Amino acid sequence: MNSTSIKKQFDGYLPLLTTKQQTLVLEMVKGFLNIDTDVKHITRKQYNQEIDEAVNRVEDGNFVTHEDAMKELSK
């Protein structure tokens, strides 16, 4: 798939999204490009600690299912 084809598809799908969804897509694109200058890099130790904390939250049942997330997005 070439750049022109991708842009055409993106331009076709973007208007179909809600404003909230468009904002999420924009934030993802900014993340890919590292545009957000307020983001501070963390150490490997901090990264591993955050992963461990996330795993613990999931093991404790503190998470949102895909189905619940989709319901929330559709509101």
PDB file of N, CA and C in Angstrom:
ATOM      1  N   MET A   1       0.853  -1.171   0.000  1.00  0.00           N
ATOM      2  CA  MET A   1       0.000   0.000   0.000  1.00  0.00           C
ATOM      3  C   MET A   1       0.904   1.241   0.000  1.00  0.00           C
ATOM      4  N   ASN A   2       0.634   2.156  -0.879  1.00  0.00           N
ATOM      5  CA  ASN A   2       1.481   3.341  -0.963  1.00  0.00           C
ATOM      6  C   ASN A   2       0.912   4.504  -0.155  1.00  0.00           C
ATOM      7  N   SER A   3       1.695   5.544  -0.025  1.00  0.00           N
ATOM      8  CA  SER A   3       1.345   6.691   0.808  1.00  0.00           C
ATOM      9  C   SER A   3       0.048   7.370   0.352  1.00  0.00           C
ATOM     10  N   THR A   4      -0.130   7.491  -0.944  1.00  0.00           N
ATOM     11  CA  THR A   4      -1.338   8.138  -1.468  1.00  0.00           C
ATOM     12  C   THR A   4      -2.576   7.339  -1.111  1.00  0.00           C
ATOM     13  N   SER A   5      -2.487   6.035  -1.233  1.00  0.00           N
ATOM     14  CA  SER A   5      -3.609   5.152  -0.907  1.00  0.00           C
ATOM     15  C   SER A   5      -3.951   5.228   0.581  1.00  0.00           C
ATOM     16  N   ILE A   6      -2.929   5.241   1.410  1.00  0.00           N
ATOM     17  CA  ILE A   6      -3.142   5.322   2.857  1.00  0.00           C
ATOM     18  C   ILE A   6      -3.803   6.645   3.216  1.00  0.00           C
ATOM     19  N   LYS A   7      -3.300   7.744   2.655  1.00  0.00           N
ATOM     20  CA  LYS A   7      -3.868   9.067   2.940  1.00  0.00           C
ATOM     21  C   LYS A   7      -5.328   9.133   2.505  1.00  0.00           C
ATOM     22  N   LYS A   8      -5.636   8.577   1.351  1.00  0.00           N
ATOM     23  CA  LYS A   8      -7.003   8.583   0.843  1.00  0.00           C
ATOM     24  C   LYS A   8      -7.938   7.832   1.792  1.00  0.00           C
ATOM     25  N   GLN A   9      -7.491   6.672   2.251  1.00  0.00           N
ATOM     26  CA  GLN A   9      -8.313   5.894   3.179  1.00  0.00           C
ATOM     27  C   GLN A   9      -8.470   6.622   4.510  1.00  0.00           C
ATOM     28  N   PHE A  10      -7.377   7.177   5.003  1.00  0.00           N
ATOM     29  CA  PHE A  10      -7.407   7.893   6.283  1.00  0.00           C
ATOM     30  C   PHE A  10      -8.381   9.071   6.193  1.00  0.00           C
ATOM     31  N   ASP A  11      -8.284   9.831   5.109  1.00  0.00           N
ATOM     32  CA  ASP A  11      -9.169  10.982   4.909  1.00  0.00           C
ATOM     33  C   ASP A  11     -10.631  10.558   4.802  1.00  0.00           C
ATOM     34  N   GLY A  12     -10.864   9.345   4.316  1.00  0.00           N
ATOM     35  CA  GLY A  12     -12.233   8.845   4.207  1.00  0.00           C
ATOM     36  C   GLY A  12     -12.793   8.373   5.537  1.00  0.00           C
ATOM     37  N   TYR A  13     -11.956   7.775   6.360  1.00  0.00           N
ATOM     38  CA  TYR A  13     -12.427   7.237   7.632  1.00  0.00           C
ATOM     39  C   TYR A  13     -12.504   8.285   8.744  1.00  0.00           C
ATOM     40  N   LEU A  14     -11.596   9.234   8.760  1.00  0.00           N
ATOM     41  CA  LEU A  14     -11.522  10.196   9.858  1.00  0.00           C
ATOM     42  C   LEU A  14     -12.839  10.928  10.122  1.00  0.00           C
ATOM     43  N   PRO A  15     -13.535  11.409   9.099  1.00  0.00           N
ATOM     44  CA  PRO A  15     -14.801  12.105   9.373  1.00  0.00           C
ATOM     45  C   PRO A  15     -15.890  11.206   9.961  1.00  0.00           C
ATOM     46  N   LEU A  16     -15.729   9.902   9.820  1.00  0.00           N
ATOM     47  CA  LEU A  16     -16.732   8.969  10.349  1.00  0.00           C
ATOM     48  C   LEU A  16     -16.607   8.772  11.856  1.00  0.00           C
ATOM     49  N   LEU A  17     -15.475   9.194  12.414  1.00  0.00           N
ATOM     50  CA  LEU A  17     -15.240   9.032  13.844  1.00  0.00           C
ATOM     51  C   LEU A  17     -15.863  10.179  14.622  1.00  0.00           C
ATOM     52  N   THR A  18     -16.193   9.903  15.871  1.00  0.00           N
ATOM     53  CA  THR A  18     -16.673  10.966  16.746  1.00  0.00           C
ATOM     54  C   THR A  18     -15.502  11.886  17.076  1.00  0.00           C
ATOM     55  N   THR A  19     -15.806  13.043  17.629  1.00  0.00           N
ATOM     56  CA  THR A  19     -14.750  13.972  18.015  1.00  0.00           C
ATOM     57  C   THR A  19     -13.813  13.325  19.025  1.00  0.00           C
ATOM     58  N   LYS A  20     -14.369  12.573  19.959  1.00  0.00           N
ATOM     59  CA  LYS A  20     -13.561  11.898  20.972  1.00  0.00           C
ATOM     60  C   LYS A  20     -12.613  10.893  20.316  1.00  0.00           C
ATOM     61  N   GLN A  21     -13.119  10.138  19.364  1.00  0.00           N
ATOM     62  CA  GLN A  21     -12.297   9.159  18.669  1.00  0.00           C
ATOM     63  C   GLN A  21     -11.225   9.847  17.828  1.00  0.00           C
ATOM     64  N   GLN A  22     -11.579  10.962  17.180  1.00  0.00           N
ATOM     65  CA  GLN A  22     -10.604  11.713  16.391  1.00  0.00           C
ATOM     66  C   GLN A  22      -9.480  12.226  17.288  1.00  0.00           C
ATOM     67  N   THR A  23      -9.842  12.675  18.492  1.00  0.00           N
ATOM     68  CA  THR A  23      -8.840  13.153  19.443  1.00  0.00           C
ATOM     69  C   THR A  23      -7.887  12.024  19.830  1.00  0.00           C
ATOM     70  N   LEU A  24      -8.430  10.838  20.066  1.00  0.00           N
ATOM     71  CA  LEU A  24      -7.598   9.686  20.408  1.00  0.00           C
ATOM     72  C   LEU A  24      -6.640   9.338  19.269  1.00  0.00           C
ATOM     73  N   VAL A  25      -7.141   9.367  18.037  1.00  0.00           N
ATOM     74  CA  VAL A  25      -6.290   9.082  16.883  1.00  0.00           C
ATOM     75  C   VAL A  25      -5.176  10.119  16.780  1.00  0.00           C
ATOM     76  N   LEU A  26      -5.526  11.391  16.971  1.00  0.00           N
ATOM     77  CA  LEU A  26      -4.525  12.453  16.917  1.00  0.00           C
ATOM     78  C   LEU A  26      -3.446  12.242  17.977  1.00  0.00           C
ATOM     79  N   GLU A  27      -3.846  11.879  19.185  1.00  0.00           N
ATOM     80  CA  GLU A  27      -2.878  11.644  20.256  1.00  0.00           C
ATOM     81  C   GLU A  27      -1.969  10.466  19.918  1.00  0.00           C
ATOM     82  N   MET A  28      -2.520   9.427  19.275  1.00  0.00           N
ATOM     83  CA  MET A  28      -1.699   8.287  18.870  1.00  0.00           C
ATOM     84  C   MET A  28      -0.673   8.719  17.827  1.00  0.00           C
ATOM     85  N   VAL A  29      -1.110   9.510  16.847  1.00  0.00           N
ATOM     86  CA  VAL A  29      -0.188   9.978  15.813  1.00  0.00           C
ATOM     87  C   VAL A  29       0.910  10.829  16.436  1.00  0.00           C
ATOM     88  N   LYS A  30       0.531  11.727  17.337  1.00  0.00           N
ATOM     89  CA  LYS A  30       1.533  12.552  18.026  1.00  0.00           C
ATOM     90  C   LYS A  30       2.513  11.674  18.782  1.00  0.00           C
ATOM     91  N   GLY A  31       2.017  10.616  19.392  1.00  0.00           N
ATOM     92  CA  GLY A  31       2.877   9.692  20.119  1.00  0.00           C
ATOM     93  C   GLY A  31       3.882   9.014  19.203  1.00  0.00           C
ATOM     94  N   PHE A  32       3.424   8.625  18.005  1.00  0.00           N
ATOM     95  CA  PHE A  32       4.333   8.012  17.037  1.00  0.00           C
ATOM     96  C   PHE A  32       5.437   8.976  16.638  1.00  0.00           C
ATOM     97  N   LEU A  33       5.105  10.247  16.575  1.00  0.00           N
ATOM     98  CA  LEU A  33       6.058  11.261  16.114  1.00  0.00           C
ATOM     99  C   LEU A  33       6.815  11.916  17.255  1.00  0.00           C
ATOM    100  N   ASN A  34       6.502  11.541  18.486  1.00  0.00           N
ATOM    101  CA  ASN A  34       7.122  12.151  19.665  1.00  0.00           C
ATOM    102  C   ASN A  34       6.984  13.671  19.671  1.00  0.00           C
ATOM    103  N   ILE A  35       5.811  14.157  19.292  1.00  0.00           N
ATOM    104  CA  ILE A  35       5.560  15.596  19.233  1.00  0.00           C
ATOM    105  C   ILE A  35       5.363  16.174  20.626  1.00  0.00           C
ATOM    106  N   ASP A  36       4.844  15.384  21.543  1.00  0.00           N
ATOM    107  CA  ASP A  36       4.546  15.877  22.882  1.00  0.00           C
ATOM    108  C   ASP A  36       5.847  16.130  23.631  1.00  0.00           C
ATOM    109  N   THR A  37       6.221  17.386  23.750  1.00  0.00           N
ATOM    110  CA  THR A  37       7.491  17.736  24.386  1.00  0.00           C
ATOM    111  C   THR A  37       7.432  17.651  25.909  1.00  0.00           C
ATOM    112  N   ASP A  38       6.224  17.506  26.460  1.00  0.00           N
ATOM    113  CA  ASP A  38       6.088  17.398  27.913  1.00  0.00           C
ATOM    114  C   ASP A  38       6.401  15.992  28.420  1.00  0.00           C
ATOM    115  N   VAL A  39       6.513  15.040  27.518  1.00  0.00           N
ATOM    116  CA  VAL A  39       6.772  13.659  27.910  1.00  0.00           C
ATOM    117  C   VAL A  39       8.219  13.529  28.366  1.00  0.00           C
ATOM    118  N   LYS A  40       8.379  12.949  29.532  1.00  0.00           N
ATOM    119  CA  LYS A  40       9.721  12.727  30.068  1.00  0.00           C
ATOM    120  C   LYS A  40      10.019  11.241  30.015  1.00  0.00           C
ATOM    121  N   HIS A  41      11.218  10.904  29.590  1.00  0.00           N
ATOM    122  CA  HIS A  41      11.621   9.503  29.535  1.00  0.00           C
ATOM    123  C   HIS A  41      11.853   8.987  30.952  1.00  0.00           C
ATOM    124  N   ILE A  42      11.518   7.709  31.141  1.00  0.00           N
ATOM    125  CA  ILE A  42      11.712   7.101  32.449  1.00  0.00           C
ATOM    126  C   ILE A  42      12.857   6.100  32.372  1.00  0.00           C
ATOM    127  N   THR A  43      13.336   5.731  33.523  1.00  0.00           N
ATOM    128  CA  THR A  43      14.426   4.767  33.577  1.00  0.00           C
ATOM    129  C   THR A  43      13.882   3.357  33.349  1.00  0.00           C
ATOM    130  N   ARG A  44      14.785   2.443  33.053  1.00  0.00           N
ATOM    131  CA  ARG A  44      14.388   1.046  32.883  1.00  0.00           C
ATOM    132  C   ARG A  44      13.783   0.513  34.183  1.00  0.00           C
ATOM    133  N   LYS A  45      14.356   0.922  35.315  1.00  0.00           N
ATOM    134  CA  LYS A  45      13.849   0.484  36.619  1.00  0.00           C
ATOM    135  C   LYS A  45      12.411   0.957  36.814  1.00  0.00           C
ATOM    136  N   GLN A  46      12.138   2.233  36.488  1.00  0.00           N
ATOM    137  CA  GLN A  46      10.788   2.781  36.623  1.00  0.00           C
ATOM    138  C   GLN A  46       9.832   2.073  35.664  1.00  0.00           C
ATOM    139  N   TYR A  47      10.291   1.827  34.445  1.00  0.00           N
ATOM    140  CA  TYR A  47       9.482   1.131  33.454  1.00  0.00           C
ATOM    141  C   TYR A  47       9.081  -0.255  33.968  1.00  0.00           C
ATOM    142  N   ASN A  48      10.055  -1.002  34.471  1.00  0.00           N
ATOM    143  CA  ASN A  48       9.768  -2.340  34.996  1.00  0.00           C
ATOM    144  C   ASN A  48       8.833  -2.284  36.199  1.00  0.00           C
ATOM    145  N   GLN A  49       8.998  -1.260  37.041  1.00  0.00           N
ATOM    146  CA  GLN A  49       8.120  -1.096  38.192  1.00  0.00           C
ATOM    147  C   GLN A  49       6.681  -0.847  37.730  1.00  0.00           C
ATOM    148  N   GLU A  50       6.515  -0.013  36.722  1.00  0.00           N
ATOM    149  CA  GLU A  50       5.173   0.267  36.207  1.00  0.00           C
ATOM    150  C   GLU A  50       4.548  -0.980  35.588  1.00  0.00           C
ATOM    151  N   ILE A  51       5.349  -1.777  34.905  1.00  0.00           N
ATOM    152  CA  ILE A  51       4.848  -3.041  34.342  1.00  0.00           C
ATOM    153  C   ILE A  51       4.389  -3.963  35.465  1.00  0.00           C
ATOM    154  N   ASP A  52       5.203  -4.105  36.509  1.00  0.00           N
ATOM    155  CA  ASP A  52       4.844  -4.957  37.647  1.00  0.00           C
ATOM    156  C   ASP A  52       3.548  -4.481  38.303  1.00  0.00           C
ATOM    157  N   GLU A  53       3.412  -3.159  38.445  1.00  0.00           N
ATOM    158  CA  GLU A  53       2.198  -2.604  39.048  1.00  0.00           C
ATOM    159  C   GLU A  53       0.977  -2.891  38.174  1.00  0.00           C
ATOM    160  N   ALA A  54       1.145  -2.781  36.864  1.00  0.00           N
ATOM    161  CA  ALA A  54       0.041  -3.060  35.944  1.00  0.00           C
ATOM    162  C   ALA A  54      -0.367  -4.522  36.008  1.00  0.00           C
ATOM    163  N   VAL A  55       0.611  -5.414  36.053  1.00  0.00           N
ATOM    164  CA  VAL A  55       0.319  -6.848  36.158  1.00  0.00           C
ATOM    165  C   VAL A  55      -0.435  -7.124  37.457  1.00  0.00           C
ATOM    166  N   ASN A  56      -0.005  -6.509  38.540  1.00  0.00           N
ATOM    167  CA  ASN A  56      -0.686  -6.692  39.827  1.00  0.00           C
ATOM    168  C   ASN A  56      -2.135  -6.203  39.769  1.00  0.00           C
ATOM    169  N   ARG A  57      -2.364  -5.073  39.108  1.00  0.00           N
ATOM    170  CA  ARG A  57      -3.738  -4.559  38.988  1.00  0.00           C
ATOM    171  C   ARG A  57      -4.609  -5.553  38.228  1.00  0.00           C
ATOM    172  N   VAL A  58      -4.088  -6.109  37.159  1.00  0.00           N
ATOM    173  CA  VAL A  58      -4.858  -7.084  36.376  1.00  0.00           C
ATOM    174  C   VAL A  58      -5.124  -8.331  37.210  1.00  0.00           C
ATOM    175  N   GLU A  59      -4.114  -8.809  37.900  1.00  0.00           N
ATOM    176  CA  GLU A  59      -4.287 -10.005  38.737  1.00  0.00           C
ATOM    177  C   GLU A  59      -5.301  -9.771  39.853  1.00  0.00           C
ATOM    178  N   ASP A  60      -5.412  -8.517  40.326  1.00  0.00           N
ATOM    179  CA  ASP A  60      -6.386  -8.166  41.360  1.00  0.00           C
ATOM    180  C   ASP A  60      -7.774  -7.915  40.785  1.00  0.00           C
ATOM    181  N   GLY A  61      -7.911  -8.022  39.461  1.00  0.00           N
ATOM    182  CA  GLY A  61      -9.211  -7.815  38.826  1.00  0.00           C
ATOM    183  C   GLY A  61      -9.524  -6.359  38.533  1.00  0.00           C
ATOM    184  N   ASN A  62      -8.540  -5.491  38.650  1.00  0.00           N
ATOM    185  CA  ASN A  62      -8.746  -4.064  38.425  1.00  0.00           C
ATOM    186  C   ASN A  62      -8.408  -3.725  36.974  1.00  0.00           C
ATOM    187  N   PHE A  63      -9.358  -3.985  36.072  1.00  0.00           N
ATOM    188  CA  PHE A  63      -9.162  -3.710  34.652  1.00  0.00           C
ATOM    189  C   PHE A  63     -10.516  -3.525  33.984  1.00  0.00           C
ATOM    190  N   VAL A  64     -10.506  -3.029  32.762  1.00  0.00           N
ATOM    191  CA  VAL A  64     -11.716  -2.830  31.976  1.00  0.00           C
ATOM    192  C   VAL A  64     -11.660  -3.791  30.798  1.00  0.00           C
ATOM    193  N   THR A  65     -12.730  -4.543  30.597  1.00  0.00           N
ATOM    194  CA  THR A  65     -12.759  -5.474  29.475  1.00  0.00           C
ATOM    195  C   THR A  65     -12.919  -4.713  28.166  1.00  0.00           C
ATOM    196  N   HIS A  66     -12.578  -5.358  27.092  1.00  0.00           N
ATOM    197  CA  HIS A  66     -12.731  -4.749  25.766  1.00  0.00           C
ATOM    198  C   HIS A  66     -14.192  -4.384  25.536  1.00  0.00           C
ATOM    199  N   GLU A  67     -15.088  -5.280  25.909  1.00  0.00           N
ATOM    200  CA  GLU A  67     -16.522  -5.033  25.720  1.00  0.00           C
ATOM    201  C   GLU A  67     -16.965  -3.789  26.485  1.00  0.00           C
ATOM    202  N   ASP A  68     -16.539  -3.644  27.743  1.00  0.00           N
ATOM    203  CA  ASP A  68     -16.909  -2.467  28.532  1.00  0.00           C
ATOM    204  C   ASP A  68     -16.292  -1.196  27.948  1.00  0.00           C
ATOM    205  N   ALA A  69     -15.075  -1.294  27.458  1.00  0.00           N
ATOM    206  CA  ALA A  69     -14.424  -0.125  26.842  1.00  0.00           C
ATOM    207  C   ALA A  69     -15.187   0.303  25.597  1.00  0.00           C
ATOM    208  N   MET A  70     -15.631  -0.657  24.792  1.00  0.00           N
ATOM    209  CA  MET A  70     -16.384  -0.334  23.585  1.00  0.00           C
ATOM    210  C   MET A  70     -17.728   0.306  23.925  1.00  0.00           C
ATOM    211  N   LYS A  71     -18.376  -0.185  24.979  1.00  0.00           N
ATOM    212  CA  LYS A  71     -19.634   0.423  25.420  1.00  0.00           C
ATOM    213  C   LYS A  71     -19.414   1.868  25.836  1.00  0.00           C
ATOM    214  N   GLU A  72     -18.340   2.123  26.576  1.00  0.00           N
ATOM    215  CA  GLU A  72     -18.013   3.468  27.036  1.00  0.00           C
ATOM    216  C   GLU A  72     -17.726   4.392  25.841  1.00  0.00           C
ATOM    217  N   LEU A  73     -16.997   3.886  24.865  1.00  0.00           N
ATOM    218  CA  LEU A  73     -16.679   4.692  23.684  1.00  0.00           C
ATOM    219  C   LEU A  73     -17.916   5.029  22.861  1.00  0.00           C
ATOM    220  N   SER A  74     -18.911   4.148  22.890  1.00  0.00           N
ATOM    221  CA  SER A  74     -20.110   4.374  22.078  1.00  0.00           C
ATOM    222  C   SER A  74     -21.049   5.392  22.698  1.00  0.00           C
ATOM    223  N   LYS A  75     -20.776   5.804  23.929  1.00  0.00           N
ATOM    224  CA  LYS A  75     -21.646   6.792  24.596  1.00  0.00           C
ATOM    225  C   LYS A  75     -21.400   8.170  24.056  1.00  0.00           C
TER     226      LYS A  75
END
